[in-house]
Amino acid sequence: MGSLLLMVTLLANTAPRPVLVTVSPAEAIQGQLLLIEVAGTEPGDEVTGSFGKHTLRFFRTARGQVRALTAVSLKHKPGPVALRVQVTLPGQDPIVHGRPVTVQAGQFEKQTLRVDSKFVRPPKKYRRQIRQERRALSRLWKAPATERQWRGSFIWPRRDKICSTFGLKRMFNKQLRSRHYGLDIDGKNGDPIVAMGAGRVVMVAERYYSGGTIVIDHGLKLFSLYFHLSAFEVKVGDRVERGQRIGLMGESGRATGPHLHLSNRVENISFDPLGLLNMDLTENQKEGTP
């Protein structure tokens, strides 16, 4: 899809040093993950920034690339979002680059389901539990950012047919009740599920809507969520590696059949997992090295 390339010049001593700011993909769409890259910096430079109201958490790869991940909310109205990148050389005033990035409307599918009323409005006896579960997730998103734990690109937690896409408009019994904030991946009860990337397990729980749930913190406010599991193979606090088995597929919680619901969040924004799965984040010479 290409990239949006921006350039500023830093004056290092007497020689100008060009610094390139790249936004990929170039067209920002509702619900999309974005990669911000800053080329031309050196290890002693400080790079900070923001995208709209959200902080850009830059990191330097093993090959010296300076990157940050951010996302556009599914609910963000089409129009400009301010991108701001600040590069500070040791002993010099910061150089600030700022310009808008235009957000475009996404095209999302619609699904009509006829389901039992319990899938539309939960029984009163479960509503307190649901509120508590939402608060527990909210605490994870609001916690301070942890150090980056992943290296390289992310992988599929399992390969199978995608049976429900991100952003899907779900009509339950002819009424629009929800948007789908993840991917549903088909499979059978007991199929193994692996971690998309390295990180720390921050939630292992049975929940009303999502059933058997695992949340992994990959660092820098990037999370992956795995729903409807039938069994857990990790516990809270475990360090997991990319490709490590974490649980088994199931149909627990509000599910009409066995599948994996996969979600991703960065800076408390849900985005299409395909953006992360398809993004080349290789940073070592050997392709695929984590």
Protein backbone atom coordinates (compact mmCIF):
# COMPACT_ATOMS: atom_id res chain seq x y z
CA MET A 1 0.00 0.00 0.00
CA GLY A 2 3.03 2.26 0.14
CA SER A 3 4.27 4.71 2.71
CA LEU A 4 3.99 8.40 3.42
CA LEU A 5 7.50 9.90 3.49
CA LEU A 6 8.28 13.13 5.27
CA MET A 7 11.68 14.79 5.70
CA VAL A 8 13.23 17.26 8.10
CA THR A 9 16.86 18.33 8.40
CA LEU A 10 18.77 18.34 11.67
CA LEU A 11 21.87 20.49 12.03
CA ALA A 12 24.47 18.31 13.73
CA ASN A 13 27.52 20.53 14.40
CA THR A 14 27.99 22.22 10.99
CA ALA A 15 26.76 19.49 8.66
CA PRO A 16 23.04 19.04 8.00
CA ARG A 17 21.73 15.55 8.76
CA PRO A 18 18.50 14.55 7.00
CA VAL A 19 15.94 12.70 9.08
CA LEU A 20 13.14 10.88 7.29
CA VAL A 21 9.76 10.17 8.90
CA THR A 22 7.76 7.41 7.22
CA VAL A 23 4.14 6.40 7.88
CA SER A 24 3.07 2.95 6.67
CA PRO A 25 0.60 2.28 5.18
CA ALA A 26 0.38 5.72 3.59
CA GLU A 27 -3.44 5.67 3.66
CA ALA A 28 -4.69 5.60 7.24
CA ILE A 29 -8.04 3.79 7.49
CA GLN A 30 -10.39 3.38 10.45
CA GLY A 31 -9.28 0.44 12.59
CA GLN A 32 -5.82 0.25 11.01
CA LEU A 33 -2.40 -0.29 12.61
CA LEU A 34 0.29 2.20 11.53
CA LEU A 35 4.07 1.93 11.62
CA ILE A 36 5.97 5.19 12.16
CA GLU A 37 9.68 5.00 11.24
CA VAL A 38 12.34 7.66 11.73
CA ALA A 39 15.50 7.19 9.66
CA GLY A 40 18.72 9.17 9.96
CA THR A 41 18.97 9.31 13.75
CA GLU A 42 21.91 8.13 15.82
CA PRO A 43 21.94 6.18 19.13
CA GLY A 44 22.35 9.32 21.24
CA ASP A 45 19.33 11.08 19.72
CA GLU A 46 16.06 11.21 21.66
CA VAL A 47 12.95 10.59 19.54
CA THR A 48 9.47 11.31 20.91
CA GLY A 49 6.13 12.08 19.38
CA SER A 50 2.38 11.75 19.26
CA PHE A 51 -0.39 10.74 16.87
CA GLY A 52 -3.54 12.61 17.72
CA LYS A 53 -3.99 12.34 21.49
CA HIS A 54 -1.85 9.22 21.77
CA THR A 55 1.83 8.94 22.65
CA LEU A 56 4.23 7.42 20.14
CA ARG A 57 6.50 4.98 21.99
CA PHE A 58 9.59 4.79 19.82
CA PHE A 59 12.04 1.90 20.08
CA ARG A 60 15.35 1.17 18.39
CA THR A 61 15.76 -2.21 16.71
CA ALA A 62 18.85 -4.38 16.57
CA ARG A 63 19.65 -2.80 13.19
CA GLY A 64 19.24 0.74 14.50
CA GLN A 65 15.79 1.40 13.05
CA VAL A 66 13.66 3.79 15.13
CA ARG A 67 10.02 2.74 15.07
CA ALA A 68 6.69 3.19 16.83
CA LEU A 69 3.33 1.46 16.45
CA THR A 70 0.06 3.34 16.67
CA ALA A 71 -3.47 2.85 15.38
CA VAL A 72 -6.60 4.60 14.18
CA SER A 73 -9.73 3.90 16.20
CA LEU A 74 -12.57 2.13 14.42
CA LYS A 75 -14.82 4.98 15.56
CA HIS A 76 -12.49 7.79 14.42
CA LYS A 77 -14.27 10.13 12.03
CA PRO A 78 -12.65 10.53 8.60
CA GLY A 79 -10.39 13.55 8.45
CA PRO A 80 -6.95 14.78 9.54
CA VAL A 81 -5.04 13.53 12.59
CA ALA A 82 -1.98 15.43 13.79
CA LEU A 83 1.33 13.55 13.61
CA ARG A 84 4.14 15.07 15.66
CA VAL A 85 7.71 13.76 15.82
CA GLN A 86 10.45 15.44 17.86
CA VAL A 87 14.14 14.58 17.50
CA THR A 88 16.60 15.97 20.02
CA LEU A 89 20.33 15.74 19.42
CA PRO A 90 22.59 15.84 22.50
CA GLY A 91 23.21 19.43 23.55
CA GLN A 92 20.92 20.93 20.91
CA ASP A 93 17.40 22.25 20.74
CA PRO A 94 14.77 19.75 19.58
CA ILE A 95 13.66 19.69 15.97
CA VAL A 96 9.92 19.13 15.63
CA HIS A 97 8.14 17.78 12.61
CA GLY A 98 4.37 18.03 12.48
CA ARG A 99 1.76 17.45 9.82
CA PRO A 100 -1.70 15.90 9.49
CA VAL A 101 -2.34 12.35 8.38
CA THR A 102 -5.72 11.91 6.71
CA VAL A 103 -7.94 9.14 8.07
CA GLN A 104 -10.26 7.52 5.55
CA ALA A 105 -13.48 5.61 6.18
CA GLY A 106 -13.16 1.84 6.22
CA GLN A 107 -15.40 -0.59 4.37
CA PHE A 108 -16.81 -3.18 6.78
CA GLU A 109 -19.04 -6.19 6.31
CA LYS A 110 -22.45 -6.69 7.90
CA GLN A 111 -23.63 -9.92 9.52
CA THR A 112 -27.19 -10.77 10.51
CA LEU A 113 -27.66 -13.32 13.28
CA ARG A 114 -30.74 -14.79 14.90
CA VAL A 115 -29.71 -15.89 18.36
CA ASP A 116 -31.14 -16.71 21.74
CA SER A 117 -31.94 -13.64 23.84
CA LYS A 118 -29.12 -14.51 26.29
CA PHE A 119 -26.61 -13.56 23.56
CA VAL A 120 -28.20 -10.12 23.19
CA ARG A 121 -28.93 -9.12 26.77
CA PRO A 122 -27.35 -11.08 29.61
CA PRO A 123 -29.44 -12.22 32.57
CA LYS A 124 -29.53 -9.75 35.43
CA LYS A 125 -27.58 -12.06 37.74
CA TYR A 126 -24.48 -11.77 35.50
CA ARG A 127 -24.43 -7.99 35.02
CA ARG A 128 -22.29 -7.25 38.07
CA GLN A 129 -19.79 -9.87 36.93
CA ILE A 130 -19.67 -8.30 33.47
CA ARG A 131 -18.97 -4.84 34.93
CA GLN A 132 -16.16 -6.24 37.06
CA GLU A 133 -14.65 -8.00 34.07
CA ARG A 134 -14.69 -4.80 32.02
CA ARG A 135 -12.96 -2.92 34.82
CA ALA A 136 -10.29 -5.61 35.02
CA LEU A 137 -9.46 -5.14 31.34
CA SER A 138 -9.54 -1.38 31.70
CA ARG A 139 -6.89 -1.60 34.42
CA LEU A 140 -4.61 -3.45 32.02
CA TRP A 141 -4.95 -0.77 29.33
CA LYS A 142 -4.37 2.05 31.85
CA ALA A 143 -1.31 0.50 33.50
CA PRO A 144 2.11 2.08 32.77
CA ALA A 145 3.82 0.90 29.61
CA THR A 146 6.23 -1.99 29.99
CA GLU A 147 9.46 -2.57 28.07
CA ARG A 148 9.25 -3.97 24.55
CA GLN A 149 9.43 -7.75 24.69
CA TRP A 150 8.87 -8.81 21.09
CA ARG A 151 11.48 -8.94 18.34
CA GLY A 152 10.67 -9.27 14.67
CA SER A 153 7.32 -9.89 13.03
CA PHE A 154 4.24 -11.43 14.64
CA ILE A 155 2.73 -14.77 13.61
CA TRP A 156 -0.72 -16.30 13.37
CA PRO A 157 -1.89 -17.97 16.60
CA ARG A 158 -3.33 -20.65 14.33
CA ARG A 159 -3.93 -20.95 10.59
CA ASP A 160 -7.46 -21.60 9.41
CA LYS A 161 -10.40 -19.94 7.73
CA ILE A 162 -11.33 -16.45 8.95
CA CYS A 163 -15.01 -16.74 9.76
CA SER A 164 -15.58 -13.17 10.98
CA THR A 165 -13.61 -10.04 10.10
CA PHE A 166 -12.59 -6.97 12.09
CA GLY A 167 -15.09 -4.12 12.14
CA LEU A 168 -18.01 -6.35 11.19
CA LYS A 169 -21.40 -4.80 11.93
CA ARG A 170 -23.37 -7.44 13.80
CA MET A 171 -27.14 -7.40 13.59
CA PHE A 172 -28.62 -9.54 16.36
CA ASN A 173 -32.28 -10.33 15.70
CA LYS A 174 -32.45 -7.48 13.13
CA GLN A 175 -30.91 -4.85 15.46
CA LEU A 176 -27.37 -3.44 15.27
CA ARG A 177 -25.92 -4.53 18.60
CA SER A 178 -22.15 -4.50 18.23
CA ARG A 179 -19.04 -4.08 16.14
CA HIS A 180 -16.48 -6.85 15.95
CA TYR A 181 -13.15 -5.80 17.45
CA GLY A 182 -11.12 -8.77 16.27
CA LEU A 183 -10.81 -11.73 13.92
CA ASP A 184 -12.62 -15.03 14.38
CA ILE A 185 -10.49 -17.96 13.24
CA ASP A 186 -12.20 -21.28 12.60
CA GLY A 187 -11.17 -24.63 14.04
CA LYS A 188 -12.11 -27.52 16.30
CA ASN A 189 -12.31 -27.89 20.05
CA GLY A 190 -8.84 -28.69 21.35
CA ASP A 191 -6.86 -27.18 18.46
CA PRO A 192 -3.64 -25.61 19.82
CA ILE A 193 -3.30 -21.81 20.08
CA VAL A 194 0.14 -20.15 20.13
CA ALA A 195 1.36 -16.68 21.13
CA MET A 196 1.61 -14.16 18.29
CA GLY A 197 4.83 -12.77 19.73
CA ALA A 198 6.94 -12.69 22.86
CA GLY A 199 5.47 -11.07 25.94
CA ARG A 200 4.19 -11.43 29.48
CA VAL A 201 0.86 -13.07 30.34
CA VAL A 202 -1.24 -10.53 32.24
CA MET A 203 -4.64 -12.25 32.29
CA VAL A 204 -5.84 -15.86 32.39
CA ALA A 205 -9.52 -16.01 33.25
CA GLU A 206 -12.96 -17.42 32.55
CA ARG A 207 -15.20 -14.51 31.56
CA TYR A 208 -18.88 -14.16 30.75
CA TYR A 209 -18.61 -12.94 27.17
CA SER A 210 -15.14 -14.07 26.07
CA GLY A 211 -15.06 -17.36 27.98
CA GLY A 212 -11.56 -18.76 28.44
CA THR A 213 -9.42 -15.64 28.00
CA ILE A 214 -5.68 -14.99 27.77
CA VAL A 215 -4.14 -11.52 27.44
CA ILE A 216 -0.44 -11.05 26.59
CA ASP A 217 1.40 -7.76 27.12
CA HIS A 218 4.05 -7.43 24.41
CA GLY A 219 5.36 -4.17 25.83
CA LEU A 220 4.96 -0.52 24.82
CA LYS A 221 1.18 -0.74 25.30
CA LEU A 222 0.78 -3.48 22.66
CA PHE A 223 -1.47 -6.42 23.65
CA SER A 224 -2.90 -9.57 22.10
CA LEU A 225 -6.12 -11.19 23.36
CA TYR A 226 -7.29 -14.77 22.82
CA PHE A 227 -10.97 -15.63 23.55
CA HIS A 228 -13.22 -18.69 23.88
CA LEU A 229 -10.43 -21.08 24.89
CA SER A 230 -11.24 -24.51 26.35
CA ALA A 231 -7.97 -24.90 28.29
CA PHE A 232 -5.02 -22.79 29.47
CA GLU A 233 -1.35 -23.78 29.25
CA VAL A 234 0.09 -20.60 30.82
CA LYS A 235 -0.56 -18.57 33.95
CA VAL A 236 -0.40 -14.89 34.86
CA GLY A 237 3.20 -13.69 35.07
CA ASP A 238 4.60 -16.23 32.61
CA ARG A 239 7.01 -15.03 29.96
CA VAL A 240 6.02 -16.53 26.60
CA GLU A 241 7.91 -16.70 23.33
CA ARG A 242 6.58 -16.27 19.82
CA GLY A 243 4.99 -19.52 18.70
CA GLN A 244 4.71 -20.98 22.22
CA ARG A 245 1.50 -22.89 22.97
CA ILE A 246 -0.70 -20.99 25.39
CA GLY A 247 -4.02 -22.86 25.28
CA LEU A 248 -6.59 -24.82 23.32
CA MET A 249 -9.44 -23.65 21.12
CA GLY A 250 -12.96 -23.92 22.48
CA GLU A 251 -16.43 -22.39 22.42
CA SER A 252 -16.62 -20.98 25.94
CA GLY A 253 -18.37 -17.71 26.79
CA ARG A 254 -20.66 -16.11 24.24
CA ALA A 255 -19.80 -18.33 21.30
CA THR A 256 -22.05 -20.21 18.92
CA GLY A 257 -19.35 -22.75 18.01
CA PRO A 258 -15.63 -23.48 18.40
CA HIS A 259 -13.36 -20.70 17.15
CA LEU A 260 -10.61 -18.35 18.29
CA HIS A 261 -11.43 -14.67 18.64
CA LEU A 262 -8.15 -12.78 18.25
CA SER A 263 -7.90 -9.11 19.21
CA ASN A 264 -5.06 -6.59 19.39
CA ARG A 265 -4.75 -3.25 21.14
CA VAL A 266 -2.13 -0.51 21.16
CA GLU A 267 -2.44 2.62 23.32
CA ASN A 268 -5.93 1.37 24.28
CA ILE A 269 -7.04 1.33 20.63
CA SER A 270 -8.41 -1.87 19.12
CA PHE A 271 -7.14 -2.42 15.59
CA ASP A 272 -7.45 -5.04 12.85
CA PRO A 273 -5.07 -7.93 13.74
CA LEU A 274 -4.36 -8.41 10.02
CA GLY A 275 -2.37 -5.18 10.18
CA LEU A 276 0.01 -6.69 12.72
CA LEU A 277 0.08 -10.14 11.12
CA ASN A 278 0.96 -8.68 7.69
CA MET A 279 3.40 -6.02 8.90
CA ASP A 280 7.09 -6.65 8.25
CA LEU A 281 8.81 -5.92 11.55
CA THR A 282 11.96 -7.91 10.75
CA GLU A 283 14.96 -6.32 12.43
CA ASN A 284 17.70 -8.95 12.14
CA GLN A 285 19.63 -10.00 9.06
CA LYS A 286 18.17 -13.51 9.23
CA GLU A 287 14.56 -13.33 8.04
CA GLY A 288 12.12 -14.25 10.77
CA THR A 289 14.59 -14.15 13.64
CA PRO A 290 12.62 -13.18 16.74
